[in-house]
N, C-alpha and C. Protein backbone atom coordinates (compact mmCIF):
# COMPACT_ATOMS: atom_id res chain seq x y z
N MET A 1 5.58 -24.30 -11.39
CA MET A 1 5.79 -23.51 -12.58
C MET A 1 5.47 -22.04 -12.29
N HIS A 2 6.35 -21.14 -12.73
CA HIS A 2 6.16 -19.71 -12.49
C HIS A 2 5.29 -19.11 -13.59
N SER A 3 4.56 -18.05 -13.23
CA SER A 3 3.66 -17.42 -14.19
C SER A 3 4.26 -16.13 -14.73
N TYR A 4 5.52 -16.16 -15.12
CA TYR A 4 6.16 -15.01 -15.73
C TYR A 4 7.26 -15.51 -16.66
N LEU A 5 7.84 -14.61 -17.41
CA LEU A 5 8.77 -15.00 -18.45
C LEU A 5 10.11 -14.27 -18.36
N PRO A 6 10.81 -14.30 -17.23
CA PRO A 6 12.04 -13.52 -17.13
C PRO A 6 13.14 -14.03 -18.05
N ILE A 7 13.28 -15.32 -18.18
CA ILE A 7 14.39 -15.84 -18.97
C ILE A 7 14.20 -15.49 -20.44
N ARG A 8 12.99 -15.65 -20.95
CA ARG A 8 12.72 -15.31 -22.34
C ARG A 8 12.99 -13.83 -22.61
N HIS A 9 12.58 -12.98 -21.67
CA HIS A 9 12.81 -11.56 -21.82
C HIS A 9 14.29 -11.23 -21.79
N LEU A 10 15.02 -11.80 -20.84
CA LEU A 10 16.43 -11.49 -20.73
C LEU A 10 17.22 -12.02 -21.93
N ILE A 11 16.80 -13.13 -22.49
CA ILE A 11 17.43 -13.63 -23.71
C ILE A 11 17.20 -12.64 -24.85
N ARG A 12 15.98 -12.12 -24.93
CA ARG A 12 15.67 -11.11 -25.96
C ARG A 12 16.52 -9.87 -25.76
N GLU A 13 16.71 -9.46 -24.51
CA GLU A 13 17.56 -8.30 -24.22
C GLU A 13 18.99 -8.56 -24.69
N LEU A 14 19.50 -9.78 -24.47
CA LEU A 14 20.85 -10.10 -24.93
C LEU A 14 20.94 -10.03 -26.45
N GLU A 15 19.91 -10.52 -27.14
CA GLU A 15 19.88 -10.45 -28.60
C GLU A 15 19.88 -9.00 -29.07
N LEU A 16 19.06 -8.16 -28.44
CA LEU A 16 18.99 -6.75 -28.80
C LEU A 16 20.30 -6.03 -28.49
N ARG A 17 20.95 -6.41 -27.40
CA ARG A 17 22.21 -5.79 -27.03
C ARG A 17 23.24 -5.99 -28.12
N GLY A 18 23.18 -7.12 -28.80
CA GLY A 18 24.11 -7.38 -29.89
C GLY A 18 23.89 -6.44 -31.07
N ARG A 19 22.71 -5.87 -31.21
CA ARG A 19 22.39 -4.96 -32.32
C ARG A 19 22.75 -3.51 -32.03
N ARG A 20 22.77 -3.12 -30.75
CA ARG A 20 23.12 -1.75 -30.41
C ARG A 20 24.50 -1.74 -29.78
N GLN A 21 25.08 -0.60 -29.70
CA GLN A 21 26.43 -0.47 -29.17
C GLN A 21 26.39 0.09 -27.75
N PRO A 22 26.29 -0.77 -26.74
CA PRO A 22 26.28 -0.27 -25.37
C PRO A 22 27.67 0.25 -25.00
N SER A 23 27.71 1.17 -24.05
CA SER A 23 29.00 1.71 -23.63
C SER A 23 29.82 0.64 -22.92
N VAL A 24 29.16 -0.15 -22.09
CA VAL A 24 29.83 -1.24 -21.39
C VAL A 24 28.87 -2.43 -21.33
N THR A 25 29.31 -3.56 -21.81
CA THR A 25 28.48 -4.75 -21.76
C THR A 25 28.66 -5.44 -20.41
N PRO A 26 27.55 -5.74 -19.73
CA PRO A 26 27.69 -6.44 -18.44
C PRO A 26 28.34 -7.80 -18.64
N PRO A 27 29.14 -8.23 -17.69
CA PRO A 27 29.76 -9.55 -17.79
C PRO A 27 28.72 -10.65 -17.68
N ASP A 28 29.05 -11.82 -18.19
CA ASP A 28 28.13 -12.95 -18.16
C ASP A 28 27.66 -13.29 -16.75
N TRP A 29 28.55 -13.21 -15.77
CA TRP A 29 28.17 -13.55 -14.40
C TRP A 29 27.09 -12.61 -13.88
N LEU A 30 27.12 -11.33 -14.29
CA LEU A 30 26.11 -10.38 -13.83
C LEU A 30 24.77 -10.66 -14.51
N VAL A 31 24.81 -10.96 -15.80
CA VAL A 31 23.57 -11.31 -16.52
C VAL A 31 22.97 -12.57 -15.91
N THR A 32 23.79 -13.56 -15.61
CA THR A 32 23.31 -14.79 -14.97
C THR A 32 22.68 -14.47 -13.61
N PHE A 33 23.34 -13.62 -12.83
CA PHE A 33 22.80 -13.20 -11.54
C PHE A 33 21.43 -12.54 -11.72
N LEU A 34 21.29 -11.66 -12.70
CA LEU A 34 20.02 -10.98 -12.93
C LEU A 34 18.93 -11.95 -13.38
N ILE A 35 19.28 -12.89 -14.24
CA ILE A 35 18.31 -13.90 -14.68
C ILE A 35 17.84 -14.73 -13.49
N GLU A 36 18.78 -15.20 -12.68
CA GLU A 36 18.42 -16.01 -11.52
C GLU A 36 17.63 -15.20 -10.49
N THR A 37 17.99 -13.95 -10.30
CA THR A 37 17.29 -13.10 -9.36
C THR A 37 15.88 -12.78 -9.86
N ALA A 38 15.70 -12.64 -11.16
CA ALA A 38 14.37 -12.40 -11.72
C ALA A 38 13.41 -13.55 -11.40
N GLU A 39 13.96 -14.73 -11.18
CA GLU A 39 13.12 -15.89 -10.80
C GLU A 39 12.46 -15.70 -9.44
N LEU A 40 12.94 -14.74 -8.66
CA LEU A 40 12.40 -14.52 -7.32
C LEU A 40 11.13 -13.68 -7.34
N PHE A 41 10.79 -13.08 -8.48
CA PHE A 41 9.51 -12.39 -8.60
C PHE A 41 8.40 -13.44 -8.64
N GLU A 42 7.38 -13.23 -7.87
CA GLU A 42 6.24 -14.15 -7.84
C GLU A 42 4.95 -13.33 -8.00
N PRO A 43 4.45 -13.19 -9.24
CA PRO A 43 3.21 -12.42 -9.44
C PRO A 43 2.06 -13.04 -8.65
N PHE A 44 1.21 -12.19 -8.08
CA PHE A 44 0.05 -12.69 -7.36
C PHE A 44 -0.98 -13.27 -8.30
N ALA A 45 -1.03 -12.78 -9.52
CA ALA A 45 -1.99 -13.31 -10.51
C ALA A 45 -1.46 -13.00 -11.91
N GLY A 46 -1.83 -13.85 -12.83
CA GLY A 46 -1.50 -13.59 -14.23
C GLY A 46 -0.07 -13.88 -14.60
N THR A 47 0.32 -13.28 -15.69
CA THR A 47 1.63 -13.49 -16.27
C THR A 47 2.39 -12.17 -16.28
N ALA A 48 3.70 -12.23 -16.06
CA ALA A 48 4.51 -11.03 -16.05
C ALA A 48 5.84 -11.29 -16.73
N ARG A 49 6.51 -10.22 -17.05
CA ARG A 49 7.80 -10.29 -17.73
C ARG A 49 8.79 -9.40 -17.00
N ALA A 50 9.92 -9.96 -16.60
CA ALA A 50 10.93 -9.20 -15.88
C ALA A 50 11.83 -8.45 -16.86
N GLY A 51 12.31 -7.33 -16.40
CA GLY A 51 13.27 -6.54 -17.17
C GLY A 51 14.36 -6.04 -16.24
N TYR A 52 15.43 -5.55 -16.83
CA TYR A 52 16.52 -5.01 -16.02
C TYR A 52 17.24 -3.90 -16.76
N GLU A 53 17.96 -3.11 -15.98
CA GLU A 53 18.88 -2.10 -16.49
C GLU A 53 20.14 -2.25 -15.65
N CYS A 54 21.30 -2.06 -16.24
CA CYS A 54 22.52 -2.08 -15.44
C CYS A 54 23.57 -1.18 -16.05
N ARG A 55 24.50 -0.76 -15.20
CA ARG A 55 25.60 0.08 -15.67
C ARG A 55 26.81 -0.10 -14.77
N ARG A 56 27.95 0.14 -15.35
CA ARG A 56 29.22 0.07 -14.63
C ARG A 56 29.42 1.37 -13.86
N THR A 57 29.92 1.27 -12.65
CA THR A 57 30.27 2.46 -11.87
C THR A 57 31.77 2.40 -11.58
N ASP A 58 32.27 3.42 -10.92
CA ASP A 58 33.70 3.45 -10.60
C ASP A 58 34.13 2.29 -9.73
N ASP A 59 33.22 1.82 -8.86
CA ASP A 59 33.62 0.78 -7.92
C ASP A 59 32.85 -0.54 -8.06
N GLY A 60 32.08 -0.71 -9.12
CA GLY A 60 31.34 -1.95 -9.31
C GLY A 60 30.24 -1.82 -10.33
N TRP A 61 29.09 -2.43 -10.02
CA TRP A 61 27.94 -2.44 -10.93
C TRP A 61 26.69 -1.99 -10.21
N GLU A 62 25.82 -1.27 -10.92
CA GLU A 62 24.49 -0.93 -10.44
C GLU A 62 23.50 -1.60 -11.37
N ALA A 63 22.48 -2.22 -10.79
CA ALA A 63 21.46 -2.89 -11.60
C ALA A 63 20.10 -2.65 -10.98
N ALA A 64 19.09 -2.65 -11.83
CA ALA A 64 17.70 -2.51 -11.38
C ALA A 64 16.89 -3.60 -12.04
N LEU A 65 16.05 -4.27 -11.26
CA LEU A 65 15.13 -5.29 -11.75
C LEU A 65 13.71 -4.82 -11.52
N PHE A 66 12.81 -5.21 -12.42
CA PHE A 66 11.41 -4.82 -12.30
C PHE A 66 10.56 -5.75 -13.15
N LEU A 67 9.27 -5.77 -12.88
CA LEU A 67 8.32 -6.47 -13.74
C LEU A 67 7.66 -5.42 -14.62
N GLY A 68 7.63 -5.69 -15.90
CA GLY A 68 6.98 -4.78 -16.83
C GLY A 68 5.47 -4.87 -16.71
N ALA A 69 4.79 -3.81 -17.09
CA ALA A 69 3.32 -3.78 -17.05
C ALA A 69 2.74 -4.60 -18.20
N ASN A 70 1.47 -4.99 -18.04
CA ASN A 70 0.75 -5.71 -19.09
C ASN A 70 -0.30 -4.79 -19.70
N GLU A 71 -0.41 -4.85 -21.02
CA GLU A 71 -1.46 -4.12 -21.72
C GLU A 71 -2.58 -5.10 -22.05
N VAL A 72 -3.80 -4.75 -21.65
CA VAL A 72 -4.96 -5.60 -21.90
C VAL A 72 -5.44 -5.36 -23.34
N VAL A 73 -5.68 -6.46 -24.06
CA VAL A 73 -6.18 -6.39 -25.43
C VAL A 73 -7.51 -7.11 -25.50
N GLY A 74 -8.56 -6.37 -25.84
CA GLY A 74 -9.90 -6.96 -25.95
C GLY A 74 -10.67 -6.84 -24.65
N GLY A 75 -11.97 -6.94 -24.77
CA GLY A 75 -12.83 -6.89 -23.60
C GLY A 75 -13.02 -5.49 -23.06
N ALA A 76 -13.65 -5.41 -21.90
CA ALA A 76 -14.00 -4.12 -21.30
C ALA A 76 -12.77 -3.30 -20.88
N GLN A 77 -11.65 -3.96 -20.62
CA GLN A 77 -10.43 -3.27 -20.17
C GLN A 77 -9.45 -2.99 -21.32
N ASP A 78 -9.89 -3.15 -22.55
CA ASP A 78 -9.02 -2.99 -23.72
C ASP A 78 -8.20 -1.69 -23.65
N GLY A 79 -6.89 -1.83 -23.84
CA GLY A 79 -6.01 -0.68 -23.84
C GLY A 79 -5.46 -0.30 -22.48
N ARG A 80 -5.99 -0.87 -21.43
CA ARG A 80 -5.53 -0.54 -20.08
C ARG A 80 -4.15 -1.16 -19.85
N VAL A 81 -3.26 -0.37 -19.28
CA VAL A 81 -1.92 -0.85 -18.94
C VAL A 81 -1.88 -1.03 -17.43
N ARG A 82 -1.61 -2.27 -17.02
CA ARG A 82 -1.66 -2.62 -15.60
C ARG A 82 -0.29 -3.04 -15.08
N PRO A 83 0.18 -2.39 -14.01
CA PRO A 83 1.39 -2.90 -13.36
C PRO A 83 1.06 -4.23 -12.69
N ILE A 84 2.08 -4.99 -12.38
CA ILE A 84 1.90 -6.33 -11.83
C ILE A 84 2.17 -6.32 -10.32
N ASN A 85 1.22 -6.84 -9.56
CA ASN A 85 1.42 -7.04 -8.13
C ASN A 85 2.23 -8.32 -7.93
N PHE A 86 3.21 -8.27 -7.05
CA PHE A 86 4.07 -9.44 -6.88
C PHE A 86 4.61 -9.53 -5.46
N ARG A 87 5.15 -10.70 -5.18
CA ARG A 87 5.90 -11.00 -3.96
C ARG A 87 7.34 -11.22 -4.42
N PHE A 88 8.31 -10.89 -3.55
CA PHE A 88 9.71 -11.09 -3.90
C PHE A 88 10.43 -11.73 -2.72
N ASP A 89 11.15 -12.80 -2.96
CA ASP A 89 11.81 -13.60 -1.92
C ASP A 89 13.13 -12.96 -1.50
N LEU A 90 13.12 -12.24 -0.38
CA LEU A 90 14.31 -11.53 0.09
C LEU A 90 15.39 -12.46 0.63
N ARG A 91 14.99 -13.52 1.29
CA ARG A 91 15.99 -14.46 1.81
C ARG A 91 16.80 -15.07 0.66
N SER A 92 16.12 -15.48 -0.38
CA SER A 92 16.83 -16.05 -1.53
C SER A 92 17.69 -15.00 -2.23
N LEU A 93 17.23 -13.76 -2.24
CA LEU A 93 18.05 -12.69 -2.83
C LEU A 93 19.37 -12.58 -2.06
N ALA A 94 19.30 -12.52 -0.75
CA ALA A 94 20.52 -12.40 0.06
C ALA A 94 21.47 -13.58 -0.17
N GLN A 95 20.92 -14.76 -0.39
CA GLN A 95 21.75 -15.95 -0.60
C GLN A 95 22.45 -15.94 -1.96
N ARG A 96 22.03 -15.11 -2.89
CA ARG A 96 22.66 -15.02 -4.20
C ARG A 96 23.94 -14.18 -4.17
N PHE A 97 24.14 -13.44 -3.10
CA PHE A 97 25.36 -12.66 -2.94
C PHE A 97 26.39 -13.48 -2.17
N GLU A 98 27.67 -13.26 -2.45
CA GLU A 98 28.73 -13.87 -1.64
C GLU A 98 28.76 -13.23 -0.26
N ARG A 99 28.51 -11.91 -0.25
CA ARG A 99 28.47 -11.15 0.99
C ARG A 99 27.44 -10.04 0.80
N VAL A 100 26.59 -9.84 1.81
CA VAL A 100 25.59 -8.76 1.77
C VAL A 100 26.06 -7.66 2.71
N ASP A 101 26.27 -6.46 2.17
CA ASP A 101 26.68 -5.31 2.98
C ASP A 101 25.48 -4.55 3.52
N SER A 102 24.42 -4.48 2.73
CA SER A 102 23.20 -3.82 3.21
C SER A 102 22.00 -4.34 2.43
N LEU A 103 20.87 -4.32 3.11
CA LEU A 103 19.59 -4.68 2.53
C LEU A 103 18.59 -3.70 3.12
N SER A 104 18.00 -2.86 2.27
CA SER A 104 17.10 -1.84 2.79
C SER A 104 15.93 -1.60 1.85
N TRP A 105 14.91 -0.97 2.40
CA TRP A 105 13.72 -0.62 1.65
C TRP A 105 13.57 0.89 1.71
N ASN A 106 13.52 1.52 0.55
CA ASN A 106 13.31 2.96 0.44
C ASN A 106 11.85 3.18 0.10
N ALA A 107 11.09 3.79 1.00
CA ALA A 107 9.65 3.96 0.79
C ALA A 107 9.31 5.44 0.68
N PHE A 108 8.67 5.80 -0.41
CA PHE A 108 8.20 7.16 -0.65
C PHE A 108 6.74 7.10 -1.06
N PRO A 109 5.84 6.87 -0.10
CA PRO A 109 4.42 6.81 -0.46
C PRO A 109 3.90 8.15 -0.97
N GLU A 110 4.53 9.24 -0.57
CA GLU A 110 4.15 10.57 -1.05
C GLU A 110 5.26 11.04 -2.00
N PRO A 111 5.02 11.01 -3.30
CA PRO A 111 6.07 11.38 -4.25
C PRO A 111 6.42 12.86 -4.15
N TYR A 112 7.68 13.15 -4.39
CA TYR A 112 8.12 14.53 -4.44
C TYR A 112 7.59 15.17 -5.72
N ALA A 113 7.21 16.42 -5.66
CA ALA A 113 6.61 17.11 -6.79
C ALA A 113 7.55 17.17 -7.99
N ASP A 114 8.84 17.33 -7.76
CA ASP A 114 9.78 17.48 -8.87
C ASP A 114 10.48 16.18 -9.25
N GLU A 115 10.11 15.09 -8.64
CA GLU A 115 10.73 13.80 -8.95
C GLU A 115 9.81 12.94 -9.80
N GLU A 116 10.40 12.21 -10.72
CA GLU A 116 9.65 11.26 -11.53
C GLU A 116 10.20 9.87 -11.28
N GLY A 117 9.40 8.87 -11.57
CA GLY A 117 9.87 7.50 -11.46
C GLY A 117 9.50 6.87 -10.14
N ASP A 118 9.95 5.66 -9.98
CA ASP A 118 9.66 4.84 -8.80
C ASP A 118 10.74 5.06 -7.76
N LEU A 119 10.44 5.86 -6.75
CA LEU A 119 11.41 6.14 -5.70
C LEU A 119 11.34 5.11 -4.57
N SER A 120 10.30 4.28 -4.54
CA SER A 120 10.18 3.23 -3.53
C SER A 120 10.73 1.94 -4.13
N PHE A 121 11.80 1.44 -3.51
CA PHE A 121 12.41 0.23 -4.03
C PHE A 121 13.22 -0.45 -2.94
N LEU A 122 13.48 -1.73 -3.14
CA LEU A 122 14.36 -2.50 -2.28
C LEU A 122 15.77 -2.30 -2.80
N SER A 123 16.71 -2.15 -1.90
CA SER A 123 18.11 -1.98 -2.29
C SER A 123 18.96 -3.04 -1.60
N ALA A 124 19.78 -3.73 -2.37
CA ALA A 124 20.71 -4.72 -1.83
C ALA A 124 22.10 -4.38 -2.35
N VAL A 125 23.05 -4.34 -1.45
CA VAL A 125 24.45 -4.06 -1.83
C VAL A 125 25.30 -5.19 -1.29
N GLY A 126 26.15 -5.72 -2.15
CA GLY A 126 27.02 -6.80 -1.71
C GLY A 126 28.02 -7.19 -2.77
N MET A 127 28.71 -8.28 -2.50
CA MET A 127 29.77 -8.75 -3.39
C MET A 127 29.31 -9.99 -4.15
N ILE A 128 29.67 -10.01 -5.44
CA ILE A 128 29.46 -11.17 -6.30
C ILE A 128 30.71 -11.30 -7.15
N ARG A 129 31.32 -12.47 -7.11
CA ARG A 129 32.55 -12.71 -7.87
C ARG A 129 33.61 -11.64 -7.60
N GLY A 130 33.66 -11.20 -6.35
CA GLY A 130 34.65 -10.22 -5.95
C GLY A 130 34.35 -8.79 -6.41
N GLU A 131 33.17 -8.55 -6.97
CA GLU A 131 32.79 -7.22 -7.44
C GLU A 131 31.62 -6.69 -6.62
N LEU A 132 31.64 -5.39 -6.37
CA LEU A 132 30.55 -4.73 -5.66
C LEU A 132 29.35 -4.59 -6.60
N VAL A 133 28.18 -5.02 -6.12
CA VAL A 133 26.94 -4.92 -6.90
C VAL A 133 25.90 -4.21 -6.05
N ARG A 134 25.33 -3.16 -6.63
CA ARG A 134 24.20 -2.44 -6.00
C ARG A 134 22.97 -2.78 -6.82
N LEU A 135 22.04 -3.48 -6.21
CA LEU A 135 20.84 -3.94 -6.90
C LEU A 135 19.61 -3.25 -6.32
N GLN A 136 18.74 -2.80 -7.20
CA GLN A 136 17.46 -2.24 -6.79
C GLN A 136 16.36 -3.11 -7.38
N ILE A 137 15.35 -3.42 -6.56
CA ILE A 137 14.16 -4.15 -7.01
C ILE A 137 13.02 -3.13 -6.96
N HIS A 138 12.51 -2.80 -8.13
CA HIS A 138 11.46 -1.78 -8.23
C HIS A 138 10.07 -2.40 -8.33
N ALA A 139 9.09 -1.73 -7.76
CA ALA A 139 7.70 -2.19 -7.82
C ALA A 139 7.09 -1.91 -9.19
N ARG A 140 7.63 -0.96 -9.92
CA ARG A 140 7.12 -0.60 -11.25
C ARG A 140 8.29 -0.51 -12.23
N ALA A 141 7.98 -0.76 -13.47
CA ALA A 141 8.98 -0.57 -14.53
C ALA A 141 9.14 0.92 -14.80
N PRO A 142 10.29 1.34 -15.30
CA PRO A 142 10.45 2.74 -15.68
C PRO A 142 9.41 3.12 -16.74
N GLU A 143 8.88 4.34 -16.65
CA GLU A 143 7.85 4.81 -17.58
C GLU A 143 8.24 4.62 -19.04
N GLU A 144 9.49 4.92 -19.36
CA GLU A 144 9.94 4.87 -20.76
C GLU A 144 9.96 3.47 -21.36
N THR A 145 9.86 2.43 -20.53
CA THR A 145 9.88 1.07 -21.08
C THR A 145 8.56 0.68 -21.72
N GLY A 146 7.46 1.33 -21.33
CA GLY A 146 6.15 0.96 -21.89
C GLY A 146 5.74 -0.42 -21.41
N PRO A 147 4.62 -0.94 -21.94
CA PRO A 147 4.16 -2.28 -21.55
C PRO A 147 5.16 -3.36 -21.97
N ALA A 148 5.27 -4.40 -21.17
CA ALA A 148 6.18 -5.50 -21.47
C ALA A 148 5.48 -6.62 -22.23
N MET A 149 4.15 -6.74 -22.03
CA MET A 149 3.38 -7.81 -22.65
C MET A 149 2.00 -7.32 -23.00
N ARG A 150 1.41 -7.97 -23.97
CA ARG A 150 -0.02 -7.80 -24.24
C ARG A 150 -0.70 -9.07 -23.75
N VAL A 151 -1.78 -8.89 -23.01
CA VAL A 151 -2.55 -10.02 -22.50
C VAL A 151 -3.92 -9.96 -23.15
N PHE A 152 -4.29 -11.02 -23.86
CA PHE A 152 -5.54 -11.06 -24.62
C PHE A 152 -6.68 -11.62 -23.78
N ALA A 153 -7.87 -11.28 -24.17
CA ALA A 153 -9.08 -11.70 -23.45
C ALA A 153 -9.16 -13.23 -23.35
N ASP A 154 -8.60 -13.96 -24.33
CA ASP A 154 -8.63 -15.43 -24.30
C ASP A 154 -7.53 -16.03 -23.42
N GLY A 155 -6.72 -15.15 -22.76
CA GLY A 155 -5.66 -15.63 -21.88
C GLY A 155 -4.29 -15.71 -22.54
N GLY A 156 -4.25 -15.53 -23.85
CA GLY A 156 -2.97 -15.57 -24.54
C GLY A 156 -2.12 -14.34 -24.23
N CYS A 157 -0.82 -14.46 -24.46
CA CYS A 157 0.11 -13.36 -24.19
C CYS A 157 1.02 -13.15 -25.40
N GLU A 158 1.47 -11.92 -25.53
CA GLU A 158 2.42 -11.57 -26.60
C GLU A 158 3.49 -10.66 -26.00
N LEU A 159 4.75 -11.03 -26.17
CA LEU A 159 5.85 -10.17 -25.69
C LEU A 159 5.96 -8.95 -26.57
N MET A 160 6.24 -7.84 -25.97
CA MET A 160 6.41 -6.60 -26.74
C MET A 160 7.87 -6.19 -26.75
């Protein structure tokens, strides 16, 4: 049993997508790919929630997957927002593509002064259902997403 909730989160995203007017709705096969790929996140401890962003490009799709941070509720760490440490199965990721054109890791341990966001990420480019997909696996969620879950001192969790 996995200690995260990617499917529940992605279902919620689909529900929310129905309420807003996206410029382009990702096809079902891409959403399925993202849900299945989110299963490859393995938090080292605790519970986590996967999220994604995707957009259509001129020649295919770009998508980003990440684990959202947890906000601690109660106890000495009350209010602290913690990113999630995790392992990610690269072999299984490659097997989810029909063809892998590239698999690389972009590492920026020293952030650029004028850049914001997570510049260190895994990048996979390949074909799925005859379409080009550029996937990024980020170590942190985008700042604007805020915490993904509240984790209570008694061990309970609440999706945000």
